[in-house]
Amino acid sequence: GFVMNLQPSEAEAGFDIRVPPTADPEDLERRIAEEWAPSSRNMTFEVRILHSFVSVFGFDGNT
């Protein structure tokens, strides 16, 4: 049911972040940890690569 002014114990959000193949995935994770989900906010995150691709040049897009 509905309860006014009740803060839930947890919440979940998803983000679709697209970066160029030349982007450093470790740098992106570090930035998320420092700016978006610092431990002082009692937040955690996980990074999942859902789709891999091969560029027109034949290189794996995740490297």
N, C-alpha and C. Protein backbone atom coordinates (compact mmCIF):
# COMPACT_ATOMS: atom_id res chain seq x y z
N GLY A 1 0.80 -1.18 0.00
CA GLY A 1 0.00 0.00 0.00
C GLY A 1 0.85 1.25 0.00
N PHE A 2 0.23 2.37 0.12
CA PHE A 2 0.89 3.67 0.09
C PHE A 2 1.15 4.17 1.50
N VAL A 3 2.38 4.62 1.74
CA VAL A 3 2.73 5.22 3.02
C VAL A 3 3.46 6.53 2.70
N MET A 4 2.96 7.65 3.23
CA MET A 4 3.57 8.94 2.96
C MET A 4 4.84 9.14 3.80
N ASN A 5 5.83 9.80 3.21
CA ASN A 5 7.09 10.15 3.88
C ASN A 5 7.89 8.95 4.36
N LEU A 6 7.81 7.86 3.69
CA LEU A 6 8.59 6.68 4.05
C LEU A 6 9.73 6.54 3.06
N GLN A 7 10.95 6.48 3.57
CA GLN A 7 12.12 6.31 2.71
C GLN A 7 12.39 4.81 2.56
N PRO A 8 12.44 4.30 1.34
CA PRO A 8 12.69 2.87 1.15
C PRO A 8 14.09 2.49 1.61
N SER A 9 14.26 1.25 2.00
CA SER A 9 15.57 0.79 2.47
C SER A 9 16.56 0.64 1.33
N GLU A 10 16.06 0.44 0.13
CA GLU A 10 16.97 0.35 -1.02
C GLU A 10 16.22 0.73 -2.29
N ALA A 11 17.00 1.10 -3.29
CA ALA A 11 16.45 1.45 -4.60
C ALA A 11 17.43 0.96 -5.66
N GLU A 12 16.95 0.85 -6.85
CA GLU A 12 17.79 0.36 -7.95
C GLU A 12 17.53 1.22 -9.18
N ALA A 13 18.60 1.54 -9.90
CA ALA A 13 18.49 2.32 -11.13
C ALA A 13 19.42 1.71 -12.17
N GLY A 14 19.07 1.86 -13.40
CA GLY A 14 19.92 1.37 -14.49
C GLY A 14 20.25 2.50 -15.44
N PHE A 15 21.44 2.47 -15.97
CA PHE A 15 21.88 3.49 -16.91
C PHE A 15 22.48 2.82 -18.14
N ASP A 16 22.15 3.32 -19.29
CA ASP A 16 22.73 2.84 -20.54
C ASP A 16 23.79 3.86 -20.93
N ILE A 17 25.03 3.53 -20.66
CA ILE A 17 26.14 4.45 -20.93
C ILE A 17 26.90 3.93 -22.14
N ARG A 18 26.97 4.73 -23.16
CA ARG A 18 27.68 4.33 -24.37
C ARG A 18 28.92 5.19 -24.52
N VAL A 19 30.03 4.55 -24.72
CA VAL A 19 31.30 5.25 -24.85
C VAL A 19 32.00 4.77 -26.11
N PRO A 20 32.91 5.58 -26.64
CA PRO A 20 33.65 5.15 -27.83
C PRO A 20 34.58 3.99 -27.50
N PRO A 21 34.93 3.21 -28.49
CA PRO A 21 35.81 2.05 -28.26
C PRO A 21 37.16 2.43 -27.66
N THR A 22 37.58 3.66 -27.83
CA THR A 22 38.87 4.09 -27.32
C THR A 22 38.81 4.50 -25.85
N ALA A 23 37.61 4.56 -25.27
CA ALA A 23 37.46 4.96 -23.86
C ALA A 23 38.05 3.90 -22.94
N ASP A 24 38.63 4.36 -21.85
CA ASP A 24 39.23 3.47 -20.86
C ASP A 24 38.15 3.03 -19.87
N PRO A 25 37.76 1.74 -19.87
CA PRO A 25 36.69 1.30 -18.97
C PRO A 25 37.04 1.45 -17.49
N GLU A 26 38.31 1.31 -17.14
CA GLU A 26 38.72 1.48 -15.74
C GLU A 26 38.55 2.93 -15.31
N ASP A 27 38.84 3.87 -16.21
CA ASP A 27 38.67 5.28 -15.91
C ASP A 27 37.19 5.61 -15.71
N LEU A 28 36.33 5.02 -16.52
CA LEU A 28 34.89 5.23 -16.37
C LEU A 28 34.40 4.70 -15.03
N GLU A 29 34.82 3.50 -14.65
CA GLU A 29 34.43 2.93 -13.35
C GLU A 29 34.93 3.78 -12.20
N ARG A 30 36.15 4.28 -12.30
CA ARG A 30 36.73 5.13 -11.25
C ARG A 30 35.91 6.42 -11.12
N ARG A 31 35.53 7.00 -12.25
CA ARG A 31 34.76 8.24 -12.21
C ARG A 31 33.38 8.02 -11.59
N ILE A 32 32.74 6.91 -11.93
CA ILE A 32 31.44 6.59 -11.33
C ILE A 32 31.59 6.43 -9.82
N ALA A 33 32.62 5.70 -9.40
CA ALA A 33 32.84 5.47 -7.97
C ALA A 33 33.09 6.77 -7.21
N GLU A 34 33.84 7.69 -7.81
CA GLU A 34 34.20 8.92 -7.12
C GLU A 34 33.09 9.98 -7.16
N GLU A 35 32.42 10.11 -8.31
CA GLU A 35 31.48 11.22 -8.49
C GLU A 35 30.02 10.83 -8.30
N TRP A 36 29.64 9.64 -8.71
CA TRP A 36 28.23 9.27 -8.69
C TRP A 36 27.86 8.39 -7.51
N ALA A 37 28.74 7.50 -7.12
CA ALA A 37 28.39 6.53 -6.07
C ALA A 37 29.48 6.40 -5.02
N PRO A 38 29.87 7.52 -4.39
CA PRO A 38 30.90 7.40 -3.36
C PRO A 38 30.38 6.62 -2.16
N SER A 39 31.28 5.97 -1.46
CA SER A 39 30.87 5.16 -0.30
C SER A 39 30.22 6.02 0.78
N SER A 40 30.53 7.31 0.83
CA SER A 40 29.92 8.19 1.83
C SER A 40 28.41 8.31 1.63
N ARG A 41 27.92 8.02 0.45
CA ARG A 41 26.48 8.05 0.17
C ARG A 41 25.84 6.69 0.38
N ASN A 42 26.64 5.72 0.82
CA ASN A 42 26.15 4.36 1.05
C ASN A 42 25.55 3.78 -0.23
N MET A 43 26.26 3.99 -1.35
CA MET A 43 25.81 3.50 -2.65
C MET A 43 26.81 2.50 -3.20
N THR A 44 26.31 1.55 -3.93
CA THR A 44 27.18 0.61 -4.63
C THR A 44 26.75 0.57 -6.09
N PHE A 45 27.63 0.04 -6.93
CA PHE A 45 27.30 -0.07 -8.34
C PHE A 45 28.04 -1.26 -8.93
N GLU A 46 27.55 -1.71 -10.05
CA GLU A 46 28.25 -2.74 -10.80
C GLU A 46 28.18 -2.38 -12.27
N VAL A 47 29.21 -2.73 -12.99
CA VAL A 47 29.28 -2.46 -14.42
C VAL A 47 29.12 -3.78 -15.14
N ARG A 48 28.19 -3.81 -16.07
CA ARG A 48 27.99 -5.01 -16.89
C ARG A 48 28.06 -4.61 -18.35
N ILE A 49 28.89 -5.28 -19.10
CA ILE A 49 28.94 -5.06 -20.54
C ILE A 49 27.94 -6.03 -21.15
N LEU A 50 26.88 -5.47 -21.71
CA LEU A 50 25.80 -6.31 -22.21
C LEU A 50 26.00 -6.74 -23.66
N HIS A 51 26.63 -5.90 -24.44
CA HIS A 51 26.79 -6.22 -25.85
C HIS A 51 28.21 -5.92 -26.29
N SER A 52 28.77 -6.85 -26.98
CA SER A 52 30.09 -6.67 -27.57
C SER A 52 29.86 -6.40 -29.06
N PHE A 53 30.80 -5.74 -29.67
CA PHE A 53 30.67 -5.53 -31.10
C PHE A 53 32.05 -5.57 -31.74
N VAL A 54 32.06 -5.76 -33.02
CA VAL A 54 33.30 -5.74 -33.79
C VAL A 54 33.20 -4.57 -34.75
N SER A 55 34.23 -3.74 -34.76
CA SER A 55 34.22 -2.56 -35.60
C SER A 55 34.36 -2.96 -37.07
N VAL A 56 34.18 -1.98 -37.93
CA VAL A 56 34.32 -2.24 -39.37
C VAL A 56 35.75 -2.62 -39.73
N PHE A 57 36.69 -2.36 -38.82
CA PHE A 57 38.08 -2.71 -39.06
C PHE A 57 38.42 -4.10 -38.52
N GLY A 58 37.44 -4.77 -37.91
CA GLY A 58 37.66 -6.12 -37.41
C GLY A 58 38.16 -6.21 -35.99
N PHE A 59 38.21 -5.08 -35.27
CA PHE A 59 38.69 -5.08 -33.89
C PHE A 59 37.52 -5.23 -32.93
N ASP A 60 37.76 -5.92 -31.82
CA ASP A 60 36.75 -6.04 -30.78
C ASP A 60 36.52 -4.65 -30.19
N GLY A 61 35.28 -4.20 -30.14
CA GLY A 61 34.97 -2.86 -29.65
C GLY A 61 35.12 -2.69 -28.16
N ASN A 62 35.31 -3.77 -27.40
CA ASN A 62 35.44 -3.66 -25.95
C ASN A 62 36.88 -3.60 -25.48
N THR A 63 37.81 -3.55 -26.38
CA THR A 63 39.22 -3.47 -25.98
C THR A 63 39.80 -2.14 -26.31
